[in-house]
Amino acid sequence: MVNVMEVPADMFIEELAKYLEENVRTLRPPAWSSFVKTGSNRERIPEARNWWYVRAASILRKLYIDGRPVGIGSFRRIYGGPKGGSSTPSHFRRSGGSVTRHILHQLETAGLVMKVEKRGRVLTPKGRSLLDSISNKVFNRLTEARPEMKKYG
């Protein structure tokens, strides 16, 4: 069976985001999500219509790959980036924590993520199973396009 680390990240996140948008009713962007930047290092709000689901899919993938509890601070570091103007040197800034926190709360309500006391969050067996099935679906789509890859599955 294929796992998340064996398929391209962009294809996996796109497929998982589509699944989350269509099937997980507890994962909905709040009203303020259309006006908010994702961090102080960003100049504008996200342009993609489904950016909330893409971020949720990315968070789930990071939890799968890491395998140990991951906290909000770690996600702020992961999604942070350089902030700099035209004449000033750039400096690293963490992303905002509110978006990540709201997404993680919604994923907990959906039963895909659980909180480990004072350590962070991890995937539940249901979440791990979902990510494995999506990665298998992406791999099958890849093998249809390139039949020589079937020997790896």
N, C-alpha and C. Protein backbone atom coordinates (compact mmCIF):
# COMPACT_ATOMS: atom_id res chain seq x y z
N MET A 1 0.84 -1.18 0.00
CA MET A 1 0.00 0.00 0.00
C MET A 1 0.89 1.25 0.00
N VAL A 2 0.47 2.22 -0.71
CA VAL A 2 1.20 3.47 -0.86
C VAL A 2 0.85 4.39 0.30
N ASN A 3 1.84 5.17 0.78
CA ASN A 3 1.53 6.14 1.82
C ASN A 3 1.78 7.55 1.31
N VAL A 4 1.57 8.53 2.17
CA VAL A 4 1.61 9.94 1.80
C VAL A 4 2.98 10.36 1.27
N MET A 5 4.03 9.79 1.81
CA MET A 5 5.37 10.22 1.44
C MET A 5 5.81 9.71 0.06
N GLU A 6 5.03 8.86 -0.56
CA GLU A 6 5.40 8.28 -1.85
C GLU A 6 4.68 8.90 -3.03
N VAL A 7 3.86 9.91 -2.79
CA VAL A 7 3.16 10.59 -3.89
C VAL A 7 3.57 12.06 -3.87
N PRO A 8 3.46 12.75 -5.01
CA PRO A 8 3.82 14.17 -5.05
C PRO A 8 2.93 14.99 -4.12
N ALA A 9 3.56 15.89 -3.37
CA ALA A 9 2.84 16.68 -2.36
C ALA A 9 1.76 17.55 -2.98
N ASP A 10 2.04 18.19 -4.10
CA ASP A 10 1.05 19.10 -4.68
C ASP A 10 -0.20 18.36 -5.13
N MET A 11 -0.03 17.20 -5.76
CA MET A 11 -1.19 16.42 -6.20
C MET A 11 -1.98 15.89 -5.00
N PHE A 12 -1.25 15.45 -3.97
CA PHE A 12 -1.91 14.92 -2.78
C PHE A 12 -2.72 15.99 -2.06
N ILE A 13 -2.11 17.16 -1.86
CA ILE A 13 -2.80 18.24 -1.15
C ILE A 13 -4.02 18.71 -1.93
N GLU A 14 -3.90 18.79 -3.24
CA GLU A 14 -5.03 19.19 -4.07
C GLU A 14 -6.20 18.21 -3.94
N GLU A 15 -5.88 16.92 -4.00
CA GLU A 15 -6.92 15.88 -3.90
C GLU A 15 -7.55 15.86 -2.50
N LEU A 16 -6.72 15.99 -1.47
CA LEU A 16 -7.24 15.98 -0.10
C LEU A 16 -8.08 17.22 0.17
N ALA A 17 -7.67 18.38 -0.34
CA ALA A 17 -8.44 19.61 -0.16
C ALA A 17 -9.82 19.47 -0.80
N LYS A 18 -9.85 18.86 -1.99
CA LYS A 18 -11.14 18.65 -2.67
C LYS A 18 -12.03 17.72 -1.84
N TYR A 19 -11.44 16.66 -1.30
CA TYR A 19 -12.20 15.73 -0.45
C TYR A 19 -12.73 16.43 0.80
N LEU A 20 -11.88 17.22 1.46
CA LEU A 20 -12.30 17.91 2.68
C LEU A 20 -13.43 18.89 2.40
N GLU A 21 -13.34 19.60 1.28
CA GLU A 21 -14.37 20.58 0.93
C GLU A 21 -15.72 19.91 0.66
N GLU A 22 -15.69 18.73 0.04
CA GLU A 22 -16.94 18.07 -0.34
C GLU A 22 -17.53 17.21 0.78
N ASN A 23 -16.70 16.63 1.64
CA ASN A 23 -17.19 15.60 2.56
C ASN A 23 -17.14 15.92 4.04
N VAL A 24 -16.28 16.81 4.48
CA VAL A 24 -16.16 17.09 5.91
C VAL A 24 -16.97 18.34 6.24
N ARG A 25 -18.13 18.14 6.85
CA ARG A 25 -19.06 19.24 7.11
C ARG A 25 -18.59 20.17 8.23
N THR A 26 -17.77 19.66 9.15
CA THR A 26 -17.33 20.52 10.26
C THR A 26 -16.21 21.45 9.84
N LEU A 27 -15.60 21.22 8.70
CA LEU A 27 -14.50 22.06 8.23
C LEU A 27 -15.05 23.12 7.29
N ARG A 28 -15.32 24.29 7.83
CA ARG A 28 -15.85 25.40 7.05
C ARG A 28 -15.09 26.66 7.41
N PRO A 29 -14.73 27.48 6.42
CA PRO A 29 -14.03 28.73 6.75
C PRO A 29 -14.97 29.69 7.48
N PRO A 30 -14.48 30.35 8.54
CA PRO A 30 -15.31 31.33 9.23
C PRO A 30 -15.53 32.58 8.38
N ALA A 31 -16.42 33.43 8.80
CA ALA A 31 -16.76 34.63 8.02
C ALA A 31 -15.56 35.54 7.84
N TRP A 32 -14.68 35.61 8.83
CA TRP A 32 -13.54 36.51 8.75
C TRP A 32 -12.43 36.01 7.84
N SER A 33 -12.52 34.77 7.36
CA SER A 33 -11.42 34.20 6.57
C SER A 33 -11.24 34.87 5.21
N SER A 34 -12.25 35.57 4.73
CA SER A 34 -12.11 36.23 3.43
C SER A 34 -11.44 37.60 3.55
N PHE A 35 -11.15 38.03 4.79
CA PHE A 35 -10.53 39.34 5.00
C PHE A 35 -9.16 39.28 5.66
N VAL A 36 -8.72 38.10 6.05
CA VAL A 36 -7.53 37.99 6.89
C VAL A 36 -6.30 37.56 6.10
N LYS A 37 -5.15 38.13 6.49
CA LYS A 37 -3.87 37.66 5.96
C LYS A 37 -3.47 36.44 6.80
N THR A 38 -2.62 35.60 6.27
CA THR A 38 -2.22 34.41 7.01
C THR A 38 -1.00 34.66 7.89
N GLY A 39 -0.41 35.84 7.81
CA GLY A 39 0.73 36.17 8.65
C GLY A 39 1.19 37.59 8.41
N SER A 40 2.04 38.09 9.32
CA SER A 40 2.52 39.47 9.18
C SER A 40 3.50 39.62 8.03
N ASN A 41 4.03 38.52 7.54
CA ASN A 41 4.96 38.57 6.41
C ASN A 41 4.25 38.63 5.06
N ARG A 42 2.95 38.52 5.04
CA ARG A 42 2.18 38.57 3.79
C ARG A 42 1.68 39.99 3.53
N GLU A 43 1.61 40.32 2.26
CA GLU A 43 1.10 41.65 1.90
C GLU A 43 -0.40 41.64 1.67
N ARG A 44 -0.92 40.52 1.15
CA ARG A 44 -2.33 40.45 0.81
C ARG A 44 -2.98 39.20 1.36
N ILE A 45 -4.30 39.16 1.24
CA ILE A 45 -5.04 37.98 1.65
C ILE A 45 -4.84 36.89 0.60
N PRO A 46 -5.07 35.61 0.95
CA PRO A 46 -4.92 34.54 -0.05
C PRO A 46 -5.88 34.75 -1.22
N GLU A 47 -5.41 34.47 -2.41
CA GLU A 47 -6.21 34.68 -3.62
C GLU A 47 -7.08 33.48 -3.98
N ALA A 48 -6.65 32.29 -3.61
CA ALA A 48 -7.40 31.09 -3.97
C ALA A 48 -8.73 31.03 -3.22
N ARG A 49 -9.75 30.59 -3.90
CA ARG A 49 -11.07 30.50 -3.30
C ARG A 49 -11.11 29.45 -2.19
N ASN A 50 -10.39 28.36 -2.37
CA ASN A 50 -10.45 27.25 -1.41
C ASN A 50 -9.20 27.18 -0.54
N TRP A 51 -8.58 28.30 -0.23
CA TRP A 51 -7.32 28.30 0.51
C TRP A 51 -7.47 27.69 1.90
N TRP A 52 -8.63 27.78 2.52
CA TRP A 52 -8.85 27.21 3.86
C TRP A 52 -8.68 25.69 3.82
N TYR A 53 -9.24 25.07 2.80
CA TYR A 53 -9.16 23.61 2.66
C TYR A 53 -7.76 23.16 2.26
N VAL A 54 -7.07 23.96 1.45
CA VAL A 54 -5.70 23.65 1.08
C VAL A 54 -4.80 23.70 2.30
N ARG A 55 -4.99 24.70 3.16
CA ARG A 55 -4.19 24.80 4.39
C ARG A 55 -4.50 23.62 5.32
N ALA A 56 -5.78 23.25 5.41
CA ALA A 56 -6.15 22.10 6.25
C ALA A 56 -5.51 20.82 5.73
N ALA A 57 -5.50 20.64 4.41
CA ALA A 57 -4.88 19.46 3.82
C ALA A 57 -3.38 19.46 4.07
N SER A 58 -2.77 20.62 3.99
CA SER A 58 -1.34 20.73 4.24
C SER A 58 -1.01 20.42 5.70
N ILE A 59 -1.85 20.87 6.61
CA ILE A 59 -1.66 20.59 8.04
C ILE A 59 -1.76 19.09 8.29
N LEU A 60 -2.76 18.44 7.70
CA LEU A 60 -2.91 16.99 7.87
C LEU A 60 -1.70 16.25 7.32
N ARG A 61 -1.19 16.69 6.18
CA ARG A 61 0.00 16.05 5.60
C ARG A 61 1.21 16.22 6.51
N LYS A 62 1.38 17.41 7.07
CA LYS A 62 2.51 17.65 7.98
C LYS A 62 2.40 16.76 9.22
N LEU A 63 1.19 16.61 9.75
CA LEU A 63 0.99 15.74 10.92
C LEU A 63 1.32 14.29 10.58
N TYR A 64 0.96 13.86 9.39
CA TYR A 64 1.24 12.48 8.96
C TYR A 64 2.74 12.26 8.85
N ILE A 65 3.42 13.18 8.19
CA ILE A 65 4.85 13.02 7.95
C ILE A 65 5.65 13.09 9.25
N ASP A 66 5.29 14.02 10.12
CA ASP A 66 6.05 14.18 11.36
C ASP A 66 5.85 12.99 12.30
N GLY A 67 4.62 12.54 12.44
CA GLY A 67 4.34 11.35 13.23
C GLY A 67 4.32 11.56 14.73
N ARG A 68 4.81 12.67 15.20
CA ARG A 68 4.78 12.97 16.64
C ARG A 68 3.90 14.18 16.87
N PRO A 69 3.55 14.50 18.10
CA PRO A 69 2.70 15.66 18.35
C PRO A 69 3.33 16.96 17.83
N VAL A 70 2.54 17.76 17.14
CA VAL A 70 2.99 19.04 16.60
C VAL A 70 2.07 20.11 17.15
N GLY A 71 2.65 21.18 17.69
CA GLY A 71 1.88 22.26 18.29
C GLY A 71 1.67 23.43 17.35
N ILE A 72 0.91 24.41 17.82
CA ILE A 72 0.61 25.61 17.04
C ILE A 72 1.90 26.37 16.72
N GLY A 73 2.81 26.46 17.68
CA GLY A 73 4.07 27.18 17.46
C GLY A 73 4.88 26.59 16.32
N SER A 74 4.89 25.27 16.24
CA SER A 74 5.62 24.62 15.14
C SER A 74 4.97 24.94 13.80
N PHE A 75 3.64 24.93 13.76
CA PHE A 75 2.96 25.28 12.51
C PHE A 75 3.18 26.73 12.15
N ARG A 76 3.27 27.61 13.13
CA ARG A 76 3.56 29.02 12.85
C ARG A 76 4.93 29.16 12.20
N ARG A 77 5.87 28.36 12.65
CA ARG A 77 7.21 28.38 12.07
C ARG A 77 7.20 27.79 10.65
N ILE A 78 6.47 26.71 10.47
CA ILE A 78 6.40 26.04 9.16
C ILE A 78 5.81 26.97 8.11
N TYR A 79 4.73 27.67 8.44
CA TYR A 79 4.04 28.51 7.47
C TYR A 79 4.51 29.96 7.47
N GLY A 80 5.53 30.27 8.26
CA GLY A 80 6.09 31.62 8.28
C GLY A 80 6.97 31.85 7.06
N GLY A 81 7.57 33.03 7.01
CA GLY A 81 8.44 33.34 5.89
C GLY A 81 9.10 34.68 6.06
N PRO A 82 9.87 35.10 5.06
CA PRO A 82 10.59 36.37 5.19
C PRO A 82 9.68 37.57 5.02
N LYS A 83 9.97 38.60 5.80
CA LYS A 83 9.28 39.87 5.65
C LYS A 83 10.34 40.92 5.42
N GLY A 84 10.17 41.65 4.37
CA GLY A 84 11.14 42.70 4.07
C GLY A 84 10.57 43.63 3.04
N GLY A 85 11.01 44.84 3.10
CA GLY A 85 10.57 45.83 2.13
C GLY A 85 11.54 45.90 0.97
N SER A 86 11.47 47.00 0.25
CA SER A 86 12.34 47.13 -0.92
C SER A 86 13.76 47.49 -0.53
N SER A 87 13.94 48.23 0.56
CA SER A 87 15.29 48.66 0.91
C SER A 87 15.79 48.05 2.23
N THR A 88 14.93 47.38 2.96
CA THR A 88 15.36 46.79 4.23
C THR A 88 15.68 45.32 4.04
N PRO A 89 16.62 44.80 4.82
CA PRO A 89 16.90 43.37 4.73
C PRO A 89 15.72 42.56 5.25
N SER A 90 15.50 41.40 4.67
CA SER A 90 14.36 40.60 5.10
C SER A 90 14.68 39.86 6.39
N HIS A 91 13.67 39.65 7.22
CA HIS A 91 13.78 38.92 8.47
C HIS A 91 12.64 37.93 8.54
N PHE A 92 12.88 36.79 9.16
CA PHE A 92 11.86 35.76 9.26
C PHE A 92 10.75 36.20 10.22
N ARG A 93 9.51 35.96 9.83
CA ARG A 93 8.34 36.21 10.68
C ARG A 93 7.49 34.95 10.71
N ARG A 94 7.00 34.62 11.87
CA ARG A 94 6.09 33.48 11.98
C ARG A 94 4.74 33.84 11.39
N SER A 95 4.01 32.83 10.96
CA SER A 95 2.66 33.07 10.44
C SER A 95 1.73 33.34 11.62
N GLY A 96 0.52 33.76 11.32
CA GLY A 96 -0.47 33.95 12.37
C GLY A 96 -0.94 32.60 12.90
N GLY A 97 -1.30 32.55 14.17
CA GLY A 97 -1.70 31.29 14.77
C GLY A 97 -3.19 31.03 14.73
N SER A 98 -3.98 32.06 14.48
CA SER A 98 -5.43 31.92 14.55
C SER A 98 -5.97 30.98 13.47
N VAL A 99 -5.48 31.12 12.26
CA VAL A 99 -5.96 30.26 11.17
C VAL A 99 -5.66 28.81 11.48
N THR A 100 -4.42 28.53 11.88
CA THR A 100 -4.03 27.16 12.20
C THR A 100 -4.84 26.61 13.36
N ARG A 101 -5.02 27.43 14.39
CA ARG A 101 -5.78 26.99 15.56
C ARG A 101 -7.22 26.65 15.20
N HIS A 102 -7.87 27.50 14.40
CA HIS A 102 -9.26 27.23 14.00
C HIS A 102 -9.35 25.96 13.15
N ILE A 103 -8.41 25.79 12.24
CA ILE A 103 -8.43 24.58 11.40
C ILE A 103 -8.24 23.34 12.25
N LEU A 104 -7.30 23.38 13.20
CA LEU A 104 -7.06 22.21 14.05
C LEU A 104 -8.29 21.90 14.92
N HIS A 105 -8.96 22.92 15.43
CA HIS A 105 -10.19 22.69 16.20
C HIS A 105 -11.25 22.02 15.33
N GLN A 106 -11.39 22.47 14.08
CA GLN A 106 -12.37 21.88 13.19
C GLN A 106 -12.00 20.44 12.83
N LEU A 107 -10.71 20.17 12.64
CA LEU A 107 -10.28 18.80 12.34
C LEU A 107 -10.46 17.89 13.56
N GLU A 108 -10.33 18.44 14.76
CA GLU A 108 -10.61 17.66 15.98
C GLU A 108 -12.09 17.29 16.04
N THR A 109 -12.94 18.25 15.73
CA THR A 109 -14.38 18.00 15.73
C THR A 109 -14.75 16.93 14.70
N ALA A 110 -14.04 16.92 13.58
CA ALA A 110 -14.30 15.93 12.53
C ALA A 110 -13.74 14.56 12.89
N GLY A 111 -12.90 14.48 13.92
CA GLY A 111 -12.35 13.20 14.35
C GLY A 111 -11.09 12.79 13.60
N LEU A 112 -10.46 13.72 12.89
CA LEU A 112 -9.26 13.40 12.13
C LEU A 112 -7.98 13.68 12.92
N VAL A 113 -8.07 14.55 13.91
CA VAL A 113 -6.91 14.95 14.72
C VAL A 113 -7.31 14.88 16.18
N MET A 114 -6.36 14.53 17.04
CA MET A 114 -6.63 14.57 18.48
C MET A 114 -5.50 15.29 19.19
N LYS A 115 -5.85 15.87 20.33
CA LYS A 115 -4.90 16.65 21.09
C LYS A 115 -4.20 15.76 22.10
N VAL A 116 -2.87 15.88 22.17
CA VAL A 116 -2.07 15.21 23.19
C VAL A 116 -1.73 16.27 24.21
N GLU A 117 -2.11 16.05 25.45
CA GLU A 117 -2.00 17.06 26.50
C GLU A 117 -0.61 17.69 26.57
N LYS A 118 -0.54 18.99 26.43
CA LYS A 118 0.67 19.81 26.54
C LYS A 118 1.78 19.45 25.56
N ARG A 119 1.45 18.72 24.49
CA ARG A 119 2.49 18.35 23.52
C ARG A 119 2.11 18.75 22.10
N GLY A 120 0.84 18.84 21.78
CA GLY A 120 0.43 19.18 20.43
C GLY A 120 -0.69 18.29 19.95
N ARG A 121 -0.73 18.12 18.64
CA ARG A 121 -1.79 17.31 18.05
C ARG A 121 -1.20 16.24 17.14
N VAL A 122 -1.92 15.12 17.06
CA VAL A 122 -1.52 13.99 16.21
C VAL A 122 -2.74 13.53 15.43
N LEU A 123 -2.49 12.75 14.40
CA LEU A 123 -3.58 12.17 13.62
C LEU A 123 -4.23 11.03 14.38
N THR A 124 -5.53 10.90 14.23
CA THR A 124 -6.24 9.75 14.78
C THR A 124 -6.12 8.61 13.76
N PRO A 125 -6.46 7.39 14.15
CA PRO A 125 -6.46 6.30 13.17
C PRO A 125 -7.38 6.59 11.98
N LYS A 126 -8.50 7.25 12.24
CA LYS A 126 -9.41 7.63 11.16
C LYS A 126 -8.73 8.60 10.19
N GLY A 127 -7.99 9.57 10.73
CA GLY A 127 -7.28 10.53 9.90
C GLY A 127 -6.17 9.88 9.09
N ARG A 128 -5.42 8.99 9.72
CA ARG A 128 -4.34 8.28 9.03
C ARG A 128 -4.90 7.41 7.90
N SER A 129 -6.02 6.76 8.16
CA SER A 129 -6.67 5.93 7.15
C SER A 129 -7.13 6.77 5.96
N LEU A 130 -7.71 7.94 6.26
CA LEU A 130 -8.16 8.84 5.19
C LEU A 130 -6.98 9.27 4.32
N LEU A 131 -5.88 9.67 4.93
CA LEU A 131 -4.72 10.12 4.18
C LEU A 131 -4.11 8.99 3.36
N ASP A 132 -4.11 7.78 3.90
CA ASP A 132 -3.60 6.63 3.14
C ASP A 132 -4.48 6.34 1.92
N SER A 133 -5.80 6.44 2.10
CA SER A 133 -6.69 6.16 0.96
C SER A 133 -6.57 7.24 -0.11
N ILE A 134 -6.41 8.49 0.30
CA ILE A 134 -6.23 9.57 -0.69
C ILE A 134 -4.91 9.40 -1.42
N SER A 135 -3.85 9.01 -0.70
CA SER A 135 -2.55 8.82 -1.36
C SER A 135 -2.61 7.64 -2.34
N ASN A 136 -3.36 6.61 -1.98
CA ASN A 136 -3.54 5.48 -2.88
C ASN A 136 -4.29 5.91 -4.14
N LYS A 137 -5.28 6.76 -3.97
CA LYS A 137 -6.05 7.27 -5.10
C LYS A 137 -5.16 8.11 -6.03
N VAL A 138 -4.31 8.95 -5.44
CA VAL A 138 -3.39 9.78 -6.23
C VAL A 138 -2.39 8.89 -6.97
N PHE A 139 -1.88 7.86 -6.28
CA PHE A 139 -0.92 6.95 -6.91
C PHE A 139 -1.57 6.21 -8.08
N ASN A 140 -2.80 5.77 -7.90
CA ASN A 140 -3.49 5.09 -9.00
C ASN A 140 -3.70 6.02 -10.19
N ARG A 141 -3.98 7.29 -9.92
CA ARG A 141 -4.13 8.25 -11.00
C ARG A 141 -2.79 8.47 -11.72
N LEU A 142 -1.71 8.45 -10.96
CA LEU A 142 -0.38 8.59 -11.57
C LEU A 142 -0.03 7.38 -12.43
N THR A 143 -0.37 6.18 -11.95
CA THR A 143 -0.02 4.97 -12.71
C THR A 143 -0.85 4.83 -13.97
N GLU A 144 -2.04 5.41 -13.98
CA GLU A 144 -2.83 5.40 -15.21
C GLU A 144 -2.15 6.25 -16.28
N ALA A 145 -1.55 7.36 -15.85
CA ALA A 145 -0.86 8.24 -16.79
C ALA A 145 0.49 7.66 -17.20
N ARG A 146 1.16 6.95 -16.27
CA ARG A 146 2.48 6.36 -16.53
C ARG A 146 2.49 4.91 -16.09
N PRO A 147 2.15 3.97 -16.98
CA PRO A 147 2.04 2.56 -16.63
C PRO A 147 3.34 1.94 -16.09
N GLU A 148 4.49 2.50 -16.40
CA GLU A 148 5.75 1.93 -15.93
C GLU A 148 5.92 2.07 -14.41
N MET A 149 5.09 2.90 -13.76
CA MET A 149 5.18 3.10 -12.31
C MET A 149 4.47 2.00 -11.52
N LYS A 150 3.68 1.15 -12.18
CA LYS A 150 2.90 0.14 -11.48
C LYS A 150 3.78 -0.83 -10.68
N LYS A 151 5.01 -1.03 -11.10
CA LYS A 151 5.89 -1.95 -10.40
C LYS A 151 6.28 -1.44 -9.01
N TYR A 152 6.12 -0.12 -8.73
CA TYR A 152 6.47 0.44 -7.44
C TYR A 152 5.37 0.30 -6.41
N GLY A 153 4.14 0.12 -6.81
CA GLY A 153 3.01 0.07 -5.89
C GLY A 153 2.87 -1.20 -5.25
